[in-house]
Each structure stands twice: as structure tokens, then as C-alpha cells.
N, C-alpha and C. Protein backbone atom coordinates (compact mmCIF):
# COMPACT_ATOMS: atom_id res chain seq x y z
N MET A 1 -86.22 170.52 155.26
CA MET A 1 -87.00 169.37 154.88
C MET A 1 -86.17 168.10 155.00
N LEU A 2 -84.93 168.14 154.53
CA LEU A 2 -84.07 166.97 154.63
C LEU A 2 -83.81 166.57 156.07
N ALA A 3 -83.76 167.56 156.96
CA ALA A 3 -83.53 167.26 158.37
C ALA A 3 -84.70 166.47 158.97
N LYS A 4 -85.90 166.72 158.47
CA LYS A 4 -87.08 166.03 158.99
C LYS A 4 -87.32 164.69 158.28
N LYS A 5 -86.97 164.64 157.00
CA LYS A 5 -87.22 163.42 156.23
C LYS A 5 -86.04 163.20 155.28
N SER A 6 -85.04 162.52 155.79
CA SER A 6 -83.80 162.34 155.03
C SER A 6 -83.97 161.51 153.77
N THR A 7 -85.08 160.78 153.64
CA THR A 7 -85.29 159.94 152.47
C THR A 7 -86.00 160.67 151.34
N ILE A 8 -86.35 161.92 151.55
CA ILE A 8 -87.07 162.66 150.52
C ILE A 8 -86.21 162.80 149.26
N ARG A 9 -86.83 162.71 148.13
CA ARG A 9 -86.13 162.86 146.85
C ARG A 9 -85.90 164.35 146.59
N THR A 10 -84.68 164.70 146.21
CA THR A 10 -84.37 166.11 145.95
C THR A 10 -83.86 166.28 144.53
N SER A 11 -83.96 167.48 144.04
CA SER A 11 -83.43 167.84 142.73
C SER A 11 -82.45 169.00 142.92
N GLU A 12 -81.32 168.91 142.30
CA GLU A 12 -80.35 170.01 142.36
C GLU A 12 -80.72 171.01 141.28
N LEU A 13 -81.06 172.21 141.70
CA LEU A 13 -81.45 173.25 140.76
C LEU A 13 -80.26 174.02 140.21
N ASN A 14 -79.13 173.91 140.89
CA ASN A 14 -77.91 174.61 140.48
C ASN A 14 -78.19 176.10 140.27
N ILE A 15 -78.83 176.67 141.26
CA ILE A 15 -79.24 178.07 141.19
C ILE A 15 -78.04 179.00 141.02
N ALA A 16 -76.96 178.73 141.74
CA ALA A 16 -75.78 179.59 141.65
C ALA A 16 -75.25 179.65 140.22
N LYS A 17 -75.18 178.50 139.55
CA LYS A 17 -74.69 178.47 138.16
C LYS A 17 -75.67 179.19 137.23
N THR A 18 -76.95 178.93 137.42
CA THR A 18 -77.96 179.59 136.60
C THR A 18 -77.88 181.10 136.76
N TRP A 19 -77.74 181.56 138.00
CA TRP A 19 -77.64 182.99 138.25
C TRP A 19 -76.38 183.57 137.62
N LYS A 20 -75.26 182.85 137.75
CA LYS A 20 -74.00 183.32 137.16
C LYS A 20 -74.12 183.40 135.63
N ASP A 21 -74.75 182.39 135.03
CA ASP A 21 -74.97 182.40 133.58
C ASP A 21 -75.85 183.57 133.16
N PHE A 22 -76.77 183.96 134.04
CA PHE A 22 -77.66 185.09 133.75
C PHE A 22 -76.92 186.42 133.82
N GLY A 23 -75.81 186.43 134.57
CA GLY A 23 -75.03 187.66 134.64
C GLY A 23 -74.75 188.15 136.04
N GLY A 24 -75.12 187.39 137.04
CA GLY A 24 -74.90 187.82 138.41
C GLY A 24 -73.80 187.03 139.09
N THR A 25 -73.39 187.48 140.25
CA THR A 25 -72.42 186.75 141.05
C THR A 25 -72.99 186.46 142.44
N THR A 26 -73.64 187.44 143.03
CA THR A 26 -74.30 187.29 144.32
C THR A 26 -75.79 187.41 144.08
N ILE A 27 -76.56 186.53 144.70
CA ILE A 27 -78.01 186.59 144.53
C ILE A 27 -78.59 187.46 145.64
N PRO A 28 -78.96 188.71 145.31
CA PRO A 28 -79.58 189.56 146.34
C PRO A 28 -81.03 189.16 146.53
N TYR A 29 -81.36 188.67 147.71
CA TYR A 29 -82.72 188.21 147.89
C TYR A 29 -83.48 188.93 148.99
N LEU A 30 -82.86 189.85 149.67
CA LEU A 30 -83.58 190.62 150.67
C LEU A 30 -82.89 191.97 150.79
N GLY A 31 -83.65 192.99 150.90
CA GLY A 31 -83.06 194.32 151.04
C GLY A 31 -83.89 195.20 151.94
N VAL A 32 -83.30 196.28 152.34
CA VAL A 32 -83.99 197.29 153.12
C VAL A 32 -84.25 198.46 152.20
N GLY A 33 -85.46 198.92 152.14
CA GLY A 33 -85.80 200.00 151.24
C GLY A 33 -86.14 201.28 151.98
N ALA A 34 -85.79 202.38 151.36
CA ALA A 34 -86.13 203.71 151.87
C ALA A 34 -86.17 204.65 150.67
N HIS A 35 -86.98 205.64 150.74
CA HIS A 35 -87.03 206.63 149.67
C HIS A 35 -85.68 207.32 149.58
N SER A 36 -85.18 207.53 148.37
CA SER A 36 -83.84 208.12 148.19
C SER A 36 -83.74 209.51 148.80
N ASP A 37 -84.81 210.30 148.76
CA ASP A 37 -84.77 211.63 149.39
C ASP A 37 -84.53 211.51 150.90
N TRP A 38 -85.22 210.53 151.53
CA TRP A 38 -85.04 210.31 152.96
C TRP A 38 -83.61 209.84 153.25
N ALA A 39 -83.14 208.88 152.48
CA ALA A 39 -81.78 208.34 152.69
C ALA A 39 -80.73 209.43 152.52
N ASP A 40 -80.90 210.27 151.50
CA ASP A 40 -79.94 211.36 151.28
C ASP A 40 -79.97 212.37 152.43
N ALA A 41 -81.15 212.60 152.99
CA ALA A 41 -81.29 213.57 154.08
C ALA A 41 -80.91 212.99 155.44
N ASN A 42 -80.81 211.67 155.54
CA ASN A 42 -80.56 211.02 156.84
C ASN A 42 -79.45 209.98 156.76
N PRO A 43 -78.27 210.35 156.30
CA PRO A 43 -77.20 209.34 156.18
C PRO A 43 -76.83 208.71 157.53
N ASP A 44 -76.99 209.45 158.63
CA ASP A 44 -76.70 208.89 159.94
C ASP A 44 -77.67 207.76 160.30
N LYS A 45 -78.93 207.90 159.91
CA LYS A 45 -79.92 206.86 160.18
C LYS A 45 -79.70 205.65 159.26
N VAL A 46 -79.29 205.91 158.03
CA VAL A 46 -78.97 204.81 157.12
C VAL A 46 -77.80 204.01 157.70
N GLN A 47 -76.78 204.72 158.18
CA GLN A 47 -75.63 204.04 158.79
C GLN A 47 -76.06 203.23 160.01
N LYS A 48 -76.96 203.80 160.82
CA LYS A 48 -77.43 203.10 162.01
C LYS A 48 -78.19 201.83 161.63
N LEU A 49 -79.01 201.90 160.59
CA LEU A 49 -79.71 200.71 160.10
C LEU A 49 -78.72 199.64 159.67
N TYR A 50 -77.72 200.04 158.89
CA TYR A 50 -76.71 199.09 158.41
C TYR A 50 -75.96 198.46 159.59
N THR A 51 -75.57 199.28 160.55
CA THR A 51 -74.84 198.80 161.73
C THR A 51 -75.69 197.81 162.52
N THR A 52 -76.98 198.10 162.65
CA THR A 52 -77.90 197.21 163.37
C THR A 52 -78.04 195.88 162.66
N TYR A 53 -78.24 195.90 161.34
CA TYR A 53 -78.34 194.66 160.58
C TYR A 53 -77.04 193.87 160.64
N LYS A 54 -75.91 194.56 160.57
CA LYS A 54 -74.61 193.88 160.64
C LYS A 54 -74.45 193.16 161.98
N ALA A 55 -74.81 193.84 163.06
CA ALA A 55 -74.72 193.23 164.39
C ALA A 55 -75.66 192.02 164.49
N ALA A 56 -76.85 192.14 163.92
CA ALA A 56 -77.81 191.04 163.96
C ALA A 56 -77.29 189.81 163.21
N VAL A 57 -76.76 190.03 162.03
CA VAL A 57 -76.21 188.91 161.24
C VAL A 57 -75.07 188.24 162.00
N GLU A 58 -74.17 189.04 162.55
CA GLU A 58 -73.03 188.49 163.29
C GLU A 58 -73.52 187.69 164.50
N TRP A 59 -74.53 188.20 165.22
CA TRP A 59 -75.03 187.49 166.39
C TRP A 59 -75.68 186.17 165.98
N VAL A 60 -76.51 186.19 164.96
CA VAL A 60 -77.18 184.97 164.51
C VAL A 60 -76.15 183.92 164.11
N GLN A 61 -75.13 184.34 163.36
CA GLN A 61 -74.12 183.38 162.90
C GLN A 61 -73.27 182.83 164.06
N LYS A 62 -73.05 183.62 165.09
CA LYS A 62 -72.26 183.17 166.24
C LYS A 62 -73.11 182.39 167.25
N ASN A 63 -74.42 182.53 167.19
CA ASN A 63 -75.33 181.92 168.17
C ASN A 63 -76.49 181.19 167.50
N PRO A 64 -76.20 180.22 166.64
CA PRO A 64 -77.29 179.58 165.88
C PRO A 64 -78.33 178.87 166.74
N ASP A 65 -77.90 178.26 167.83
CA ASP A 65 -78.87 177.55 168.66
C ASP A 65 -79.82 178.52 169.38
N GLU A 66 -79.31 179.69 169.76
CA GLU A 66 -80.16 180.70 170.39
C GLU A 66 -81.00 181.45 169.36
N ALA A 67 -80.48 181.56 168.14
CA ALA A 67 -81.19 182.30 167.09
C ALA A 67 -82.34 181.49 166.49
N ALA A 68 -82.18 180.18 166.43
CA ALA A 68 -83.19 179.34 165.78
C ALA A 68 -84.60 179.57 166.30
N PRO A 69 -84.82 179.61 167.63
CA PRO A 69 -86.20 179.85 168.10
C PRO A 69 -86.73 181.23 167.75
N LEU A 70 -85.83 182.18 167.52
CA LEU A 70 -86.28 183.52 167.12
C LEU A 70 -86.68 183.53 165.65
N LEU A 71 -86.00 182.72 164.85
CA LEU A 71 -86.29 182.66 163.41
C LEU A 71 -87.47 181.75 163.09
N ALA A 72 -87.71 180.77 163.95
CA ALA A 72 -88.80 179.82 163.72
C ALA A 72 -89.64 179.73 164.99
N LYS A 73 -90.21 180.84 165.35
CA LYS A 73 -90.99 180.96 166.59
C LYS A 73 -92.08 179.88 166.65
N GLY A 74 -92.09 179.15 167.77
CA GLY A 74 -93.11 178.14 167.99
C GLY A 74 -92.85 176.81 167.33
N ALA A 75 -91.74 176.67 166.62
CA ALA A 75 -91.44 175.41 165.92
C ALA A 75 -91.05 174.33 166.94
N PRO A 76 -91.35 173.08 166.61
CA PRO A 76 -90.94 171.99 167.50
C PRO A 76 -89.42 171.83 167.52
N ALA A 77 -88.93 171.11 168.53
CA ALA A 77 -87.49 170.97 168.76
C ALA A 77 -86.73 170.45 167.54
N ASP A 78 -87.31 169.47 166.83
CA ASP A 78 -86.58 168.92 165.66
C ASP A 78 -86.43 169.97 164.56
N GLU A 79 -87.42 170.82 164.39
CA GLU A 79 -87.31 171.88 163.40
C GLU A 79 -86.32 172.94 163.84
N LEU A 80 -86.29 173.26 165.12
CA LEU A 80 -85.32 174.24 165.63
C LEU A 80 -83.90 173.72 165.43
N LYS A 81 -83.72 172.44 165.62
CA LYS A 81 -82.41 171.83 165.38
C LYS A 81 -82.01 171.97 163.90
N ALA A 82 -82.98 171.78 163.02
CA ALA A 82 -82.73 171.91 161.58
C ALA A 82 -82.41 173.37 161.22
N VAL A 83 -83.12 174.31 161.82
CA VAL A 83 -82.86 175.73 161.56
C VAL A 83 -81.45 176.09 162.04
N ALA A 84 -81.09 175.64 163.22
CA ALA A 84 -79.75 175.91 163.74
C ALA A 84 -78.69 175.32 162.82
N ALA A 85 -78.92 174.11 162.31
CA ALA A 85 -77.97 173.49 161.38
C ALA A 85 -77.88 174.30 160.08
N MET A 86 -79.01 174.81 159.63
CA MET A 86 -79.02 175.62 158.41
C MET A 86 -78.22 176.91 158.62
N ILE A 87 -78.34 177.51 159.79
CA ILE A 87 -77.58 178.72 160.10
C ILE A 87 -76.09 178.38 160.12
N LYS A 88 -75.74 177.28 160.77
CA LYS A 88 -74.33 176.89 160.90
C LYS A 88 -73.69 176.64 159.54
N SER A 89 -74.37 175.93 158.66
CA SER A 89 -73.78 175.62 157.35
C SER A 89 -73.83 176.84 156.43
N ASN A 90 -74.90 177.59 156.51
CA ASN A 90 -75.14 178.80 155.70
C ASN A 90 -75.16 178.52 154.20
N GLU A 91 -75.12 177.26 153.80
CA GLU A 91 -75.11 176.92 152.38
C GLU A 91 -76.40 177.33 151.69
N ARG A 92 -77.53 176.93 152.25
CA ARG A 92 -78.82 177.27 151.65
C ARG A 92 -79.33 178.63 152.11
N LEU A 93 -79.09 178.96 153.36
CA LEU A 93 -79.55 180.23 153.90
C LEU A 93 -78.83 181.40 153.24
N ALA A 94 -77.54 181.24 153.02
CA ALA A 94 -76.71 182.26 152.35
C ALA A 94 -76.84 183.64 152.99
N MET A 95 -76.83 183.66 154.33
CA MET A 95 -76.94 184.93 155.03
C MET A 95 -75.60 185.67 154.92
N LYS A 96 -75.64 186.78 154.23
CA LYS A 96 -74.44 187.58 154.01
C LYS A 96 -74.87 189.03 153.82
N LEU A 97 -74.53 189.85 154.78
CA LEU A 97 -74.87 191.26 154.68
C LEU A 97 -73.93 191.93 153.68
N THR A 98 -74.50 192.61 152.72
CA THR A 98 -73.72 193.24 151.66
C THR A 98 -74.27 194.62 151.39
N LYS A 99 -73.39 195.56 151.16
CA LYS A 99 -73.82 196.91 150.80
C LYS A 99 -74.32 196.90 149.36
N ALA A 100 -75.43 197.57 149.13
CA ALA A 100 -76.03 197.60 147.80
C ALA A 100 -75.04 198.06 146.73
N ALA A 101 -74.23 199.05 147.06
CA ALA A 101 -73.27 199.58 146.09
C ALA A 101 -72.27 198.51 145.65
N ASP A 102 -72.00 197.54 146.53
CA ASP A 102 -71.03 196.48 146.21
C ASP A 102 -71.61 195.42 145.29
N ILE A 103 -72.93 195.37 145.17
CA ILE A 103 -73.56 194.36 144.30
C ILE A 103 -74.52 195.01 143.30
N LYS A 104 -74.15 196.19 142.88
CA LYS A 104 -75.00 196.95 141.95
C LYS A 104 -75.34 196.12 140.70
N LYS A 105 -74.34 195.46 140.14
CA LYS A 105 -74.56 194.66 138.93
C LYS A 105 -75.59 193.55 139.19
N ASP A 106 -75.52 192.95 140.37
CA ASP A 106 -76.45 191.87 140.71
C ASP A 106 -77.87 192.39 140.92
N ILE A 107 -77.99 193.54 141.55
CA ILE A 107 -79.31 194.15 141.74
C ILE A 107 -79.92 194.50 140.38
N GLN A 108 -79.08 195.02 139.49
CA GLN A 108 -79.56 195.33 138.14
C GLN A 108 -79.97 194.05 137.40
N ALA A 109 -79.28 192.94 137.68
CA ALA A 109 -79.66 191.67 137.06
C ALA A 109 -81.03 191.21 137.57
N VAL A 110 -81.32 191.46 138.85
CA VAL A 110 -82.65 191.15 139.39
C VAL A 110 -83.69 192.00 138.68
N TYR A 111 -83.39 193.28 138.51
CA TYR A 111 -84.30 194.16 137.78
C TYR A 111 -84.52 193.64 136.35
N LYS A 112 -83.44 193.23 135.70
CA LYS A 112 -83.52 192.72 134.33
C LYS A 112 -84.42 191.48 134.29
N ALA A 113 -84.24 190.58 135.26
CA ALA A 113 -85.09 189.39 135.33
C ALA A 113 -86.55 189.79 135.52
N GLY A 114 -86.79 190.79 136.36
CA GLY A 114 -88.15 191.28 136.56
C GLY A 114 -88.77 191.83 135.29
N MET A 115 -87.95 192.47 134.48
CA MET A 115 -88.43 192.99 133.19
C MET A 115 -88.73 191.84 132.23
N GLU A 116 -87.87 190.82 132.24
CA GLU A 116 -88.04 189.70 131.31
C GLU A 116 -89.33 188.92 131.57
N ILE A 117 -89.80 188.91 132.81
CA ILE A 117 -91.07 188.21 133.10
C ILE A 117 -92.24 189.19 133.21
N ASN A 118 -92.01 190.42 132.76
CA ASN A 118 -93.03 191.47 132.75
C ASN A 118 -93.53 191.85 134.14
N TYR A 119 -92.69 191.65 135.15
CA TYR A 119 -93.03 192.11 136.49
C TYR A 119 -92.72 193.60 136.62
N LEU A 120 -91.62 194.01 136.00
CA LEU A 120 -91.24 195.43 135.96
C LEU A 120 -91.44 195.94 134.54
N PRO A 121 -92.07 197.10 134.38
CA PRO A 121 -92.30 197.63 133.04
C PRO A 121 -91.03 198.21 132.41
N SER A 122 -90.10 198.66 133.25
CA SER A 122 -88.85 199.24 132.74
C SER A 122 -87.78 199.11 133.80
N MET A 123 -86.55 199.37 133.41
CA MET A 123 -85.42 199.26 134.33
C MET A 123 -85.51 200.37 135.38
N PRO A 124 -85.54 200.01 136.67
CA PRO A 124 -85.56 201.04 137.71
C PRO A 124 -84.29 201.90 137.67
N SER A 125 -84.40 203.08 138.16
CA SER A 125 -83.30 204.04 138.19
C SER A 125 -82.17 203.55 139.10
N ASP A 126 -80.95 203.95 138.78
CA ASP A 126 -79.81 203.65 139.65
C ASP A 126 -79.97 204.30 141.02
N ALA A 127 -80.85 205.28 141.14
CA ALA A 127 -81.10 205.92 142.44
C ALA A 127 -81.71 204.94 143.44
N THR A 128 -82.19 203.79 142.96
CA THR A 128 -82.76 202.78 143.86
C THR A 128 -81.68 201.98 144.58
N ILE A 129 -80.42 202.19 144.19
CA ILE A 129 -79.30 201.44 144.78
C ILE A 129 -78.47 202.42 145.60
N TYR A 130 -78.49 202.28 146.91
CA TYR A 130 -77.78 203.21 147.80
C TYR A 130 -76.29 203.07 147.58
N ASP A 131 -75.65 204.18 147.21
CA ASP A 131 -74.24 204.12 146.85
C ASP A 131 -73.32 204.98 147.73
N LYS A 132 -73.87 205.44 148.85
CA LYS A 132 -73.04 206.24 149.77
C LYS A 132 -72.21 205.29 150.62
N PRO A 133 -71.06 205.75 151.11
CA PRO A 133 -70.21 204.88 151.94
C PRO A 133 -70.88 204.50 153.26
N LEU A 134 -70.67 203.25 153.65
CA LEU A 134 -71.15 202.74 154.94
C LEU A 134 -69.99 202.04 155.63
N LYS A 135 -69.97 202.14 156.96
CA LYS A 135 -68.89 201.49 157.71
C LYS A 135 -69.34 200.15 158.24
């Protein structure tokens, strides 16, 4: 938005501080889900998924100008420029591939927040967090 209209009034939400005060360190905002029985029975496919996502993140970060049209299909040139700038800075996008086991506490904090707003009736099982080694 700032790239299109630099005079727009903004408010700093200080989300990182709020999240840290809540008990987290990394804000997990996107994940890949699979039934735990399937994941346990197919560790090679889980590894392949992780490897594919890792390669995609690395490519996007190394090629922001080429990635922008893929992320904002059909957007006008000025918006594509803004998307590429967002990828380059990564401040707001915060694209960082992380293994679920490495941010277990943060995922549990998301669950806790879901319970506090009555989105989740109870704390999900730890089985929802893939904890097997990934390369």
C-alpha cells in the first residue's frame, strides 16, 4: 500500500512485541498439514514436501523480480514492483521456512490464542506438530 500511496497514514501495530509478550518468538502464519498417520507412514514424502518448499523459498528470495508476477498474477507493473520490493526487504512478508518441531512453543501459542478467542475448544494434541527430523 505504501508503495502505491506513500502519503497514506499508517499505524505501527508492533506485532512482533505483542507476540513476544504473548509468549512466542516466531509468528507461524502458514503451514502444511497432513494427517499424522499419513506423515508417519510416508516420511520420504514429508521430506520431499519440505525440500520442495525450501527450494521454492530460496528461489523466490534470490529472484524477487521474477517471483513477483507469480505471487501477484495479473497485477499492474507498479504493484509487481511493490511485491518485488516486499520480497527483497522481507520485513513485512517474513518469509522464513521453519520446521514445525523448531517452533513448537510458537505453534502452541497460536493454539492458545485460538482457545482464548473460542476458536478452538481445547488445546490440540502435540501430534499436530511434526517432530521427525528433516534435512
